[in-house]
Amino acid sequence: MLIMSAALAATSGVVMTTVAVAAAVIASAAVGAAIYAGMNIVQQGILIAANDNDKKDTHKLELYPHIN
C-alpha cells in the first residue's frame, strides 16, 4: 500500500510538473506572438511613413525639377 501511495505521489508530481511546463510554454508563445504583432505594427508604420516621405519627395521633384 505504501509503495502504491509513493507511486501515486510520484505520478502526481510528474503530472503537475508537466502541466506547469506546458503552461509556461503557452505563456511564452503568447508573449512571443504579442511581440511579433507589435513589431509588425511598427514595421507597417515605418513603411507608411516612408511611402509618405517618398510621395513628398516626388512632389518636390515635380515642382522643382532642377533640385536633385
N, C-alpha and C. Protein backbone atom coordinates (compact mmCIF):
# COMPACT_ATOMS: atom_id res chain seq x y z
N MET A 1 0.81 -1.19 0.00
CA MET A 1 0.00 0.00 0.00
C MET A 1 0.86 1.27 0.00
N LEU A 2 1.93 1.20 0.77
CA LEU A 2 2.84 2.35 0.86
C LEU A 2 3.53 2.58 -0.48
N ILE A 3 3.88 1.51 -1.17
CA ILE A 3 4.53 1.63 -2.48
C ILE A 3 3.57 2.25 -3.48
N MET A 4 2.30 1.86 -3.42
CA MET A 4 1.31 2.43 -4.34
C MET A 4 1.11 3.92 -4.06
N SER A 5 1.11 4.30 -2.80
CA SER A 5 0.97 5.71 -2.44
C SER A 5 2.16 6.52 -2.93
N ALA A 6 3.34 5.94 -2.80
CA ALA A 6 4.55 6.62 -3.27
C ALA A 6 4.53 6.75 -4.79
N ALA A 7 4.08 5.70 -5.47
CA ALA A 7 4.00 5.74 -6.93
C ALA A 7 2.96 6.77 -7.38
N LEU A 8 1.85 6.81 -6.67
CA LEU A 8 0.80 7.79 -6.99
C LEU A 8 1.30 9.21 -6.76
N ALA A 9 2.02 9.42 -5.68
CA ALA A 9 2.57 10.74 -5.39
C ALA A 9 3.59 11.14 -6.44
N ALA A 10 4.43 10.20 -6.86
CA ALA A 10 5.43 10.49 -7.89
C ALA A 10 4.75 10.82 -9.20
N THR A 11 3.73 10.03 -9.56
CA THR A 11 3.00 10.28 -10.80
C THR A 11 2.31 11.64 -10.75
N SER A 12 1.74 11.96 -9.60
CA SER A 12 1.08 13.25 -9.44
C SER A 12 2.08 14.39 -9.59
N GLY A 13 3.28 14.21 -9.05
CA GLY A 13 4.31 15.22 -9.18
C GLY A 13 4.74 15.41 -10.63
N VAL A 14 4.86 14.31 -11.36
CA VAL A 14 5.23 14.39 -12.77
C VAL A 14 4.15 15.10 -13.56
N VAL A 15 2.89 14.77 -13.28
CA VAL A 15 1.78 15.41 -13.98
C VAL A 15 1.75 16.91 -13.68
N MET A 16 1.94 17.27 -12.42
CA MET A 16 1.92 18.68 -12.05
C MET A 16 3.08 19.43 -12.72
N THR A 17 4.24 18.80 -12.77
CA THR A 17 5.38 19.43 -13.43
C THR A 17 5.12 19.60 -14.92
N THR A 18 4.55 18.57 -15.53
CA THR A 18 4.24 18.64 -16.96
C THR A 18 3.23 19.75 -17.25
N VAL A 19 2.22 19.87 -16.42
CA VAL A 19 1.22 20.92 -16.59
C VAL A 19 1.86 22.30 -16.41
N ALA A 20 2.75 22.43 -15.44
CA ALA A 20 3.42 23.71 -15.21
C ALA A 20 4.30 24.08 -16.40
N VAL A 21 5.02 23.10 -16.94
CA VAL A 21 5.88 23.37 -18.10
C VAL A 21 5.02 23.74 -19.31
N ALA A 22 3.92 23.01 -19.50
CA ALA A 22 3.03 23.32 -20.63
C ALA A 22 2.46 24.73 -20.50
N ALA A 23 2.09 25.13 -19.29
CA ALA A 23 1.57 26.48 -19.07
C ALA A 23 2.64 27.52 -19.37
N ALA A 24 3.87 27.24 -18.98
CA ALA A 24 4.96 28.19 -19.25
C ALA A 24 5.22 28.30 -20.75
N VAL A 25 5.15 27.18 -21.46
CA VAL A 25 5.36 27.22 -22.91
C VAL A 25 4.25 28.01 -23.59
N ILE A 26 3.01 27.80 -23.16
CA ILE A 26 1.88 28.54 -23.75
C ILE A 26 2.02 30.04 -23.46
N ALA A 27 2.39 30.38 -22.22
CA ALA A 27 2.56 31.79 -21.87
C ALA A 27 3.69 32.41 -22.68
N SER A 28 4.77 31.67 -22.85
CA SER A 28 5.90 32.18 -23.63
C SER A 28 5.50 32.39 -25.09
N ALA A 29 4.72 31.46 -25.63
CA ALA A 29 4.26 31.61 -27.01
C ALA A 29 3.34 32.82 -27.15
N ALA A 30 2.50 33.06 -26.15
CA ALA A 30 1.61 34.21 -26.19
C ALA A 30 2.40 35.52 -26.16
N VAL A 31 3.41 35.56 -25.32
CA VAL A 31 4.26 36.76 -25.26
C VAL A 31 4.99 36.96 -26.58
N GLY A 32 5.50 35.88 -27.14
CA GLY A 32 6.18 35.97 -28.43
C GLY A 32 5.26 36.45 -29.53
N ALA A 33 4.03 35.96 -29.53
CA ALA A 33 3.06 36.39 -30.55
C ALA A 33 2.73 37.87 -30.39
N ALA A 34 2.61 38.33 -29.15
CA ALA A 34 2.33 39.75 -28.91
C ALA A 34 3.48 40.63 -29.38
N ILE A 35 4.70 40.20 -29.10
CA ILE A 35 5.87 40.97 -29.55
C ILE A 35 5.93 41.00 -31.07
N TYR A 36 5.68 39.85 -31.69
CA TYR A 36 5.71 39.77 -33.16
C TYR A 36 4.65 40.69 -33.77
N ALA A 37 3.45 40.68 -33.19
CA ALA A 37 2.38 41.55 -33.69
C ALA A 37 2.76 43.02 -33.52
N GLY A 38 3.36 43.35 -32.39
CA GLY A 38 3.80 44.73 -32.17
C GLY A 38 4.86 45.16 -33.16
N MET A 39 5.79 44.26 -33.46
CA MET A 39 6.83 44.59 -34.44
C MET A 39 6.22 44.79 -35.82
N ASN A 40 5.22 43.99 -36.16
CA ASN A 40 4.56 44.15 -37.46
C ASN A 40 3.85 45.50 -37.55
N ILE A 41 3.23 45.92 -36.45
CA ILE A 41 2.54 47.22 -36.44
C ILE A 41 3.57 48.34 -36.63
N VAL A 42 4.70 48.24 -35.93
CA VAL A 42 5.75 49.25 -36.06
C VAL A 42 6.29 49.26 -37.49
N GLN A 43 6.50 48.07 -38.06
CA GLN A 43 7.02 47.99 -39.43
C GLN A 43 6.03 48.62 -40.41
N GLN A 44 4.75 48.37 -40.22
CA GLN A 44 3.75 48.96 -41.11
C GLN A 44 3.78 50.49 -40.99
N GLY A 45 3.93 50.98 -39.77
CA GLY A 45 4.03 52.42 -39.58
C GLY A 45 5.25 53.01 -40.27
N ILE A 46 6.37 52.31 -40.18
CA ILE A 46 7.59 52.79 -40.85
C ILE A 46 7.39 52.81 -42.36
N LEU A 47 6.79 51.74 -42.89
CA LEU A 47 6.56 51.69 -44.34
C LEU A 47 5.60 52.78 -44.80
N ILE A 48 4.57 53.03 -44.01
CA ILE A 48 3.62 54.10 -44.36
C ILE A 48 4.34 55.45 -44.34
N ALA A 49 5.15 55.67 -43.30
CA ALA A 49 5.88 56.94 -43.21
C ALA A 49 6.86 57.08 -44.37
N ALA A 50 7.54 56.00 -44.72
CA ALA A 50 8.49 56.05 -45.83
C ALA A 50 7.76 56.32 -47.14
N ASN A 51 6.60 55.71 -47.30
CA ASN A 51 5.82 55.93 -48.52
C ASN A 51 5.36 57.38 -48.61
N ASP A 52 4.91 57.92 -47.48
CA ASP A 52 4.50 59.33 -47.47
C ASP A 52 5.69 60.23 -47.79
N ASN A 53 6.84 59.89 -47.24
CA ASN A 53 8.04 60.69 -47.49
C ASN A 53 8.43 60.63 -48.96
N ASP A 54 8.32 59.45 -49.56
CA ASP A 54 8.63 59.32 -50.99
C ASP A 54 7.68 60.17 -51.82
N LYS A 55 6.42 60.17 -51.45
CA LYS A 55 5.45 60.98 -52.20
C LYS A 55 5.79 62.46 -52.08
N LYS A 56 6.20 62.88 -50.89
CA LYS A 56 6.56 64.29 -50.71
C LYS A 56 7.78 64.64 -51.55
N ASP A 57 8.77 63.74 -51.56
CA ASP A 57 9.98 64.00 -52.35
C ASP A 57 9.64 64.06 -53.83
N THR A 58 8.80 63.15 -54.28
CA THR A 58 8.40 63.14 -55.69
C THR A 58 7.68 64.43 -56.04
N HIS A 59 6.84 64.88 -55.13
CA HIS A 59 6.11 66.12 -55.36
C HIS A 59 7.08 67.29 -55.50
N LYS A 60 8.11 67.31 -54.64
CA LYS A 60 9.11 68.38 -54.73
C LYS A 60 9.83 68.33 -56.07
N LEU A 61 10.13 67.12 -56.53
CA LEU A 61 10.84 67.00 -57.80
C LEU A 61 9.96 67.46 -58.96
N GLU A 62 8.66 67.23 -58.85
CA GLU A 62 7.76 67.68 -59.92
C GLU A 62 7.66 69.20 -59.92
N LEU A 63 7.64 69.81 -58.73
CA LEU A 63 7.54 71.26 -58.66
C LEU A 63 8.86 71.94 -59.01
N TYR A 64 9.95 71.32 -58.58
CA TYR A 64 11.27 71.91 -58.79
C TYR A 64 12.18 70.87 -59.45
N PRO A 65 12.05 70.63 -60.73
CA PRO A 65 12.82 69.55 -61.38
C PRO A 65 14.33 69.79 -61.36
N HIS A 66 14.77 71.01 -61.16
CA HIS A 66 16.21 71.29 -61.16
C HIS A 66 16.86 70.90 -59.84
N ILE A 67 16.06 70.62 -58.80
CA ILE A 67 16.60 70.22 -57.49
C ILE A 67 16.73 68.71 -57.46
N ASN A 68 17.92 68.23 -57.14
CA ASN A 68 18.11 66.77 -57.06
C ASN A 68 18.08 66.33 -55.62
